[in-house]
Structure formats: C-alpha cells, structure tokens
PDB file of N, CA and C in Angstrom:
ATOM      1  N   UNK A   1       1.834 -10.711  -1.558  1.00  0.00           N
ATOM      2  CA  UNK A   1       1.503  -9.305  -1.710  1.00  0.00           C
ATOM      3  C   UNK A   1       2.703  -8.502  -1.203  1.00  0.00           C
ATOM      4  N   UNK A   2       2.850  -7.298  -1.708  1.00  0.00           N
ATOM      5  CA  UNK A   2       3.937  -6.462  -1.226  1.00  0.00           C
ATOM      6  C   UNK A   2       3.392  -5.244  -0.479  1.00  0.00           C
ATOM      7  N   UNK A   3       4.296  -4.543   0.191  1.00  0.00           N
ATOM      8  CA  UNK A   3       3.898  -3.445   1.068  1.00  0.00           C
ATOM      9  C   UNK A   3       3.207  -2.315   0.309  1.00  0.00           C
ATOM     10  N   UNK A   4       3.622  -2.043  -0.922  1.00  0.00           N
ATOM     11  CA  UNK A   4       2.987  -0.965  -1.680  1.00  0.00           C
ATOM     12  C   UNK A   4       1.539  -1.313  -2.023  1.00  0.00           C
ATOM     13  N   UNK A   5       1.272  -2.574  -2.345  1.00  0.00           N
ATOM     14  CA  UNK A   5      -0.101  -2.978  -2.661  1.00  0.00           C
ATOM     15  C   UNK A   5      -0.983  -2.925  -1.412  1.00  0.00           C
ATOM     16  N   UNK A   6      -0.456  -3.349  -0.279  1.00  0.00           N
ATOM     17  CA  UNK A   6      -1.220  -3.271   0.970  1.00  0.00           C
ATOM     18  C   UNK A   6      -1.554  -1.817   1.275  1.00  0.00           C
ATOM     19  N   UNK A   7      -0.607  -0.921   1.086  1.00  0.00           N
ATOM     20  CA  UNK A   7      -0.853   0.508   1.313  1.00  0.00           C
ATOM     21  C   UNK A   7      -1.944   1.034   0.389  1.00  0.00           C
ATOM     22  N   UNK A   8      -1.910   0.609  -0.882  1.00  0.00           N
ATOM     23  CA  UNK A   8      -2.955   1.013  -1.837  1.00  0.00           C
ATOM     24  C   UNK A   8      -4.330   0.549  -1.365  1.00  0.00           C
ATOM     25  N   UNK A   9      -4.409  -0.685  -0.926  1.00  0.00           N
ATOM     26  CA  UNK A   9      -5.688  -1.240  -0.471  1.00  0.00           C
ATOM     27  C   UNK A   9      -6.203  -0.471   0.733  1.00  0.00           C
ATOM     28  N   UNK A  10      -5.323  -0.154   1.674  1.00  0.00           N
ATOM     29  CA  UNK A  10      -5.737   0.578   2.872  1.00  0.00           C
ATOM     30  C   UNK A  10      -6.250   1.978   2.533  1.00  0.00           C
ATOM     31  N   UNK A  11      -5.680   2.624   1.524  1.00  0.00           N
ATOM     32  CA  UNK A  11      -6.077   3.984   1.144  1.00  0.00           C
ATOM     33  C   UNK A  11      -7.306   4.008   0.239  1.00  0.00           C
ATOM     34  N   UNK A  12      -7.583   2.902  -0.406  1.00  0.00           N
ATOM     35  CA  UNK A  12      -8.662   2.846  -1.380  1.00  0.00           C
ATOM     36  C   UNK A  12     -10.029   2.745  -0.712  1.00  0.00           C
ATOM     37  N   UNK A  13     -11.016   3.327  -1.362  1.00  0.00           N
ATOM     38  CA  UNK A  13     -12.398   3.201  -0.892  1.00  0.00           C
ATOM     39  C   UNK A  13     -13.074   1.983  -1.518  1.00  0.00           C
ATOM     40  N   UNK A  14     -12.435   1.398  -2.523  1.00  0.00           N
ATOM     41  CA  UNK A  14     -12.996   0.216  -3.177  1.00  0.00           C
ATOM     42  C   UNK A  14     -12.763  -1.030  -2.333  1.00  0.00           C
ATOM     43  N   UNK A  15     -13.703  -1.959  -2.431  1.00  0.00           N
ATOM     44  CA  UNK A  15     -13.567  -3.228  -1.727  1.00  0.00           C
ATOM     45  C   UNK A  15     -12.607  -4.119  -2.516  1.00  0.00           C
ATOM     46  N   UNK A  16     -11.623  -4.663  -1.827  1.00  0.00           N
ATOM     47  CA  UNK A  16     -10.667  -5.583  -2.435  1.00  0.00           C
ATOM     48  C   UNK A  16     -10.689  -6.876  -1.645  1.00  0.00           C
ATOM     49  N   UNK A  17     -10.912  -7.980  -2.322  1.00  0.00           N
ATOM     50  CA  UNK A  17     -10.931  -9.271  -1.642  1.00  0.00           C
ATOM     51  C   UNK A  17      -9.501  -9.719  -1.385  1.00  0.00           C
ATOM     52  N   UNK A  18      -9.170  -9.845  -0.104  1.00  0.00           N
ATOM     53  CA  UNK A  18      -7.837 -10.262   0.317  1.00  0.00           C
ATOM     54  C   UNK A  18      -7.979 -11.532   1.139  1.00  0.00           C
ATOM     55  N   UNK A  19      -7.023 -12.442   0.962  1.00  0.00           N
ATOM     56  CA  UNK A  19      -7.085 -13.738   1.638  1.00  0.00           C
ATOM     57  C   UNK A  19      -5.779 -14.049   2.362  1.00  0.00           C
ATOM     58  N   UNK A  20      -5.922 -14.829   3.419  1.00  0.00           N
ATOM     59  CA  UNK A  20      -4.795 -15.391   4.153  1.00  0.00           C
ATOM     60  C   UNK A  20      -5.140 -16.849   4.439  1.00  0.00           C
ATOM     61  N   UNK A  21      -4.318 -17.762   3.979  1.00  0.00           N
ATOM     62  CA  UNK A  21      -4.589 -19.208   4.164  1.00  0.00           C
ATOM     63  C   UNK A  21      -5.999 -19.587   3.705  1.00  0.00           C
ATOM     64  N   UNK A  22      -6.385 -19.120   2.540  1.00  0.00           N
ATOM     65  CA  UNK A  22      -7.693 -19.423   1.939  1.00  0.00           C
ATOM     66  C   UNK A  22      -8.875 -18.865   2.722  1.00  0.00           C
ATOM     67  N   UNK A  23      -8.623 -17.943   3.651  1.00  0.00           N
ATOM     68  CA  UNK A  23      -9.702 -17.317   4.419  1.00  0.00           C
ATOM     69  C   UNK A  23      -9.743 -15.833   4.090  1.00  0.00           C
ATOM     70  N   UNK A  24     -10.940 -15.296   3.844  1.00  0.00           N
ATOM     71  CA  UNK A  24     -11.047 -13.866   3.550  1.00  0.00           C
ATOM     72  C   UNK A  24     -10.748 -13.021   4.792  1.00  0.00           C
ATOM     73  N   UNK A  25      -9.980 -11.950   4.582  1.00  0.00           N
ATOM     74  CA  UNK A  25      -9.609 -11.058   5.682  1.00  0.00           C
ATOM     75  C   UNK A  25      -9.778  -9.611   5.247  1.00  0.00           C
ATOM     76  N   UNK A  26      -9.835  -8.721   6.233  1.00  0.00           N
ATOM     77  CA  UNK A  26      -9.710  -7.306   5.929  1.00  0.00           C
ATOM     78  C   UNK A  26      -8.468  -6.818   6.666  1.00  0.00           C
ATOM     79  N   UNK A  27      -7.740  -5.947   6.018  1.00  0.00           N
ATOM     80  CA  UNK A  27      -6.502  -5.421   6.580  1.00  0.00           C
ATOM     81  C   UNK A  27      -6.853  -4.234   7.464  1.00  0.00           C
ATOM     82  N   UNK A  28      -6.458  -4.319   8.728  1.00  0.00           N
ATOM     83  CA  UNK A  28      -6.782  -3.263   9.677  1.00  0.00           C
ATOM     84  C   UNK A  28      -5.668  -2.232   9.800  1.00  0.00           C
ATOM     85  N   UNK A  29      -4.432  -2.697   9.809  1.00  0.00           N
ATOM     86  CA  UNK A  29      -3.297  -1.773   9.897  1.00  0.00           C
ATOM     87  C   UNK A  29      -2.035  -2.453   9.397  1.00  0.00           C
ATOM     88  N   UNK A  30      -1.022  -1.649   9.177  1.00  0.00           N
ATOM     89  CA  UNK A  30       0.230  -2.130   8.607  1.00  0.00           C
ATOM     90  C   UNK A  30       1.387  -1.648   9.462  1.00  0.00           C
ATOM     91  N   UNK A  31       2.283  -2.551   9.809  1.00  0.00           N
ATOM     92  CA  UNK A  31       3.493  -2.244  10.562  1.00  0.00           C
ATOM     93  C   UNK A  31       4.662  -2.914   9.886  1.00  0.00           C
ATOM     94  N   UNK A  32       5.453  -2.163   9.156  1.00  0.00           N
ATOM     95  CA  UNK A  32       6.585  -2.711   8.396  1.00  0.00           C
ATOM     96  C   UNK A  32       6.108  -3.838   7.488  1.00  0.00           C
ATOM     97  N   UNK A  33       6.550  -5.070   7.718  1.00  0.00           N
ATOM     98  CA  UNK A  33       6.158  -6.188   6.846  1.00  0.00           C
ATOM     99  C   UNK A  33       5.090  -7.071   7.478  1.00  0.00           C
ATOM    100  N   UNK A  34       4.408  -6.537   8.506  1.00  0.00           N
ATOM    101  CA  UNK A  34       3.353  -7.285   9.195  1.00  0.00           C
ATOM    102  C   UNK A  34       2.049  -6.492   9.118  1.00  0.00           C
ATOM    103  N   UNK A  35       0.974  -7.198   8.820  1.00  0.00           N
ATOM    104  CA  UNK A  35      -0.346  -6.572   8.773  1.00  0.00           C
ATOM    105  C   UNK A  35      -1.226  -7.174   9.864  1.00  0.00           C
ATOM    106  N   UNK A  36      -1.996  -6.329  10.510  1.00  0.00           N
ATOM    107  CA  UNK A  36      -3.017  -6.819  11.434  1.00  0.00           C
ATOM    108  C   UNK A  36      -4.272  -7.023  10.600  1.00  0.00           C
ATOM    109  N   UNK A  37      -4.787  -8.249  10.608  1.00  0.00           N
ATOM    110  CA  UNK A  37      -5.972  -8.558   9.815  1.00  0.00           C
ATOM    111  C   UNK A  37      -7.080  -9.084  10.699  1.00  0.00           C
ATOM    112  N   UNK A  38      -8.293  -8.881  10.236  1.00  0.00           N
ATOM    113  CA  UNK A  38      -9.469  -9.471  10.848  1.00  0.00           C
ATOM    114  C   UNK A  38     -10.054 -10.468   9.865  1.00  0.00           C
ATOM    115  N   UNK A  39     -10.482 -11.603  10.368  1.00  0.00           N
ATOM    116  CA  UNK A  39     -11.063 -12.626   9.499  1.00  0.00           C
ATOM    117  C   UNK A  39     -12.543 -12.337   9.292  1.00  0.00           C
ATOM    118  N   UNK A  40     -12.971 -12.398   8.036  1.00  0.00           N
ATOM    119  CA  UNK A  40     -14.339 -12.063   7.677  1.00  0.00           C
ATOM    120  C   UNK A  40     -15.330 -13.077   8.247  1.00  0.00           C
ATOM    121  N   UNK A  41     -14.906 -14.338   8.364  1.00  0.00           N
ATOM    122  CA  UNK A  41     -15.832 -15.396   8.768  1.00  0.00           C
ATOM    123  C   UNK A  41     -16.011 -15.534  10.280  1.00  0.00           C
ATOM    124  N   UNK A  42     -15.295 -14.746  11.083  1.00  0.00           N
ATOM    125  CA  UNK A  42     -15.500 -14.741  12.539  1.00  0.00           C
ATOM    126  C   UNK A  42     -14.862 -13.484  13.123  1.00  0.00           C
ATOM    127  N   UNK A  43     -14.742 -13.402  14.429  1.00  0.00           N
ATOM    128  CA  UNK A  43     -14.211 -12.199  15.065  1.00  0.00           C
ATOM    129  C   UNK A  43     -12.721 -12.296  15.376  1.00  0.00           C
ATOM    130  N   UNK A  44     -12.066 -13.303  14.848  1.00  0.00           N
ATOM    131  CA  UNK A  44     -10.648 -13.520  15.095  1.00  0.00           C
ATOM    132  C   UNK A  44      -9.799 -12.446  14.407  1.00  0.00           C
ATOM    133  N   UNK A  45      -8.724 -12.052  15.060  1.00  0.00           N
ATOM    134  CA  UNK A  45      -7.743 -11.131  14.497  1.00  0.00           C
ATOM    135  C   UNK A  45      -6.379 -11.779  14.598  1.00  0.00           C
ATOM    136  N   UNK A  46      -5.457 -11.374  13.716  1.00  0.00           N
ATOM    137  CA  UNK A  46      -4.127 -11.951  13.734  1.00  0.00           C
ATOM    138  C   UNK A  46      -3.141 -11.001  13.080  1.00  0.00           C
ATOM    139  N   UNK A  47      -1.887 -11.085  13.484  1.00  0.00           N
ATOM    140  CA  UNK A  47      -0.803 -10.371  12.819  1.00  0.00           C
ATOM    141  C   UNK A  47      -0.140 -11.359  11.871  1.00  0.00           C
ATOM    142  N   UNK A  48      -0.070 -10.995  10.595  1.00  0.00           N
ATOM    143  CA  UNK A  48       0.470 -11.897   9.575  1.00  0.00           C
ATOM    144  C   UNK A  48       1.473 -11.143   8.710  1.00  0.00           C
ATOM    145  N   UNK A  49       2.399 -11.881   8.118  1.00  0.00           N
ATOM    146  CA  UNK A  49       3.344 -11.273   7.174  1.00  0.00           C
ATOM    147  C   UNK A  49       2.603 -10.902   5.893  1.00  0.00           C
ATOM    148  N   UNK A  50       2.872  -9.708   5.379  1.00  0.00           N
ATOM    149  CA  UNK A  50       2.160  -9.273   4.177  1.00  0.00           C
ATOM    150  C   UNK A  50       2.462 -10.162   2.979  1.00  0.00           C
ATOM    151  N   UNK A  51       3.613 -10.815   2.967  1.00  0.00           N
ATOM    152  CA  UNK A  51       3.947 -11.708   1.853  1.00  0.00           C
ATOM    153  C   UNK A  51       3.010 -12.908   1.791  1.00  0.00           C
ATOM    154  N   UNK A  52       2.298 -13.185   2.885  1.00  0.00           N
ATOM    155  CA  UNK A  52       1.377 -14.315   2.929  1.00  0.00           C
ATOM    156  C   UNK A  52      -0.056 -13.938   2.558  1.00  0.00           C
ATOM    157  N   UNK A  53      -0.301 -12.662   2.279  1.00  0.00           N
ATOM    158  CA  UNK A  53      -1.626 -12.205   1.848  1.00  0.00           C
ATOM    159  C   UNK A  53      -1.701 -12.237   0.325  1.00  0.00           C
ATOM    160  N   UNK A  54      -2.890 -12.488  -0.187  1.00  0.00           N
ATOM    161  CA  UNK A  54      -3.062 -12.460  -1.641  1.00  0.00           C
ATOM    162  C   UNK A  54      -4.481 -12.032  -1.977  1.00  0.00           C
ATOM    163  N   UNK A  55      -4.636 -11.518  -3.191  1.00  0.00           N
ATOM    164  CA  UNK A  55      -5.945 -11.069  -3.664  1.00  0.00           C
ATOM    165  C   UNK A  55      -6.662 -12.206  -4.365  1.00  0.00           C
ATOM    166  N   UNK A  56      -7.975 -12.071  -4.505  1.00  0.00           N
ATOM    167  CA  UNK A  56      -8.797 -13.138  -5.079  1.00  0.00           C
ATOM    168  C   UNK A  56      -8.410 -13.464  -6.512  1.00  0.00           C
ATOM    169  N   UNK A  57      -7.905 -12.485  -7.264  1.00  0.00           N
ATOM    170  CA  UNK A  57      -7.555 -12.733  -8.658  1.00  0.00           C
ATOM    171  C   UNK A  57      -6.090 -13.138  -8.823  1.00  0.00           C
ATOM    172  N   UNK A  58      -5.380 -13.404  -7.747  1.00  0.00           N
ATOM    173  CA  UNK A  58      -3.959 -13.741  -7.805  1.00  0.00           C
ATOM    174  C   UNK A  58      -3.711 -14.964  -8.670  1.00  0.00           C
ATOM    175  N   UNK A  59      -4.532 -15.991  -8.512  1.00  0.00           N
ATOM    176  CA  UNK A  59      -4.343 -17.205  -9.306  1.00  0.00           C
ATOM    177  C   UNK A  59      -4.669 -16.951 -10.768  1.00  0.00           C
ATOM    178  N   UNK A  60      -5.648 -16.102 -11.055  1.00  0.00           N
ATOM    179  CA  UNK A  60      -6.001 -15.782 -12.437  1.00  0.00           C
ATOM    180  C   UNK A  60      -4.862 -15.078 -13.154  1.00  0.00           C
ATOM    181  N   UNK A  61      -4.147 -14.210 -12.427  1.00  0.00           N
ATOM    182  CA  UNK A  61      -3.051 -13.452 -13.017  1.00  0.00           C
ATOM    183  C   UNK A  61      -1.862 -14.330 -13.376  1.00  0.00           C
ATOM    184  N   UNK A  62      -1.746 -15.476 -12.770  1.00  0.00           N
ATOM    185  CA  UNK A  62      -0.607 -16.350 -13.026  1.00  0.00           C
ATOM    186  C   UNK A  62      -0.782 -17.181 -14.289  1.00  0.00           C
ATOM    187  N   UNK A  63      -1.976 -17.234 -14.850  1.00  0.00           N
ATOM    188  CA  UNK A  63      -2.233 -18.044 -16.051  1.00  0.00           C
ATOM    189  C   UNK A  63      -1.669 -17.406 -17.285  1.00  0.00           C
TER     190      UNK A  63
END
C-alpha cells in the first residue's frame, strides 16, 4: 500500500478491509511511512511500514 491510499482510508467513512501479515487491522494513525495499527482479532497494537499493508482485494487485482 502507499501513503496516498492510507490517507484516503483514514479520511473515508467507508469500511475498508486492511491486512498486515494475513491479519485484519484498522489504521489508527500515520507517521511518514509508518502506520500505527490495531489488530481486529485482539487488543494488540503495532507500528508497521505502510508498504506491508494491503487491502482484501489486493490479490484479486493482480489477476
């Protein structure tokens, strides 16, 4: 994912499925090329590189 797409997701009111390492996350904030994310399946939070985030339809778009 790139920084412009992360910014779009943060500004949007629509739900967007975002994943990190095959785990669903929500993006809490953005700092340069790092996003603070919360994992949907527990209360864990982490700072991750935005290039490592992807949307649920990412694999579909590559076909």
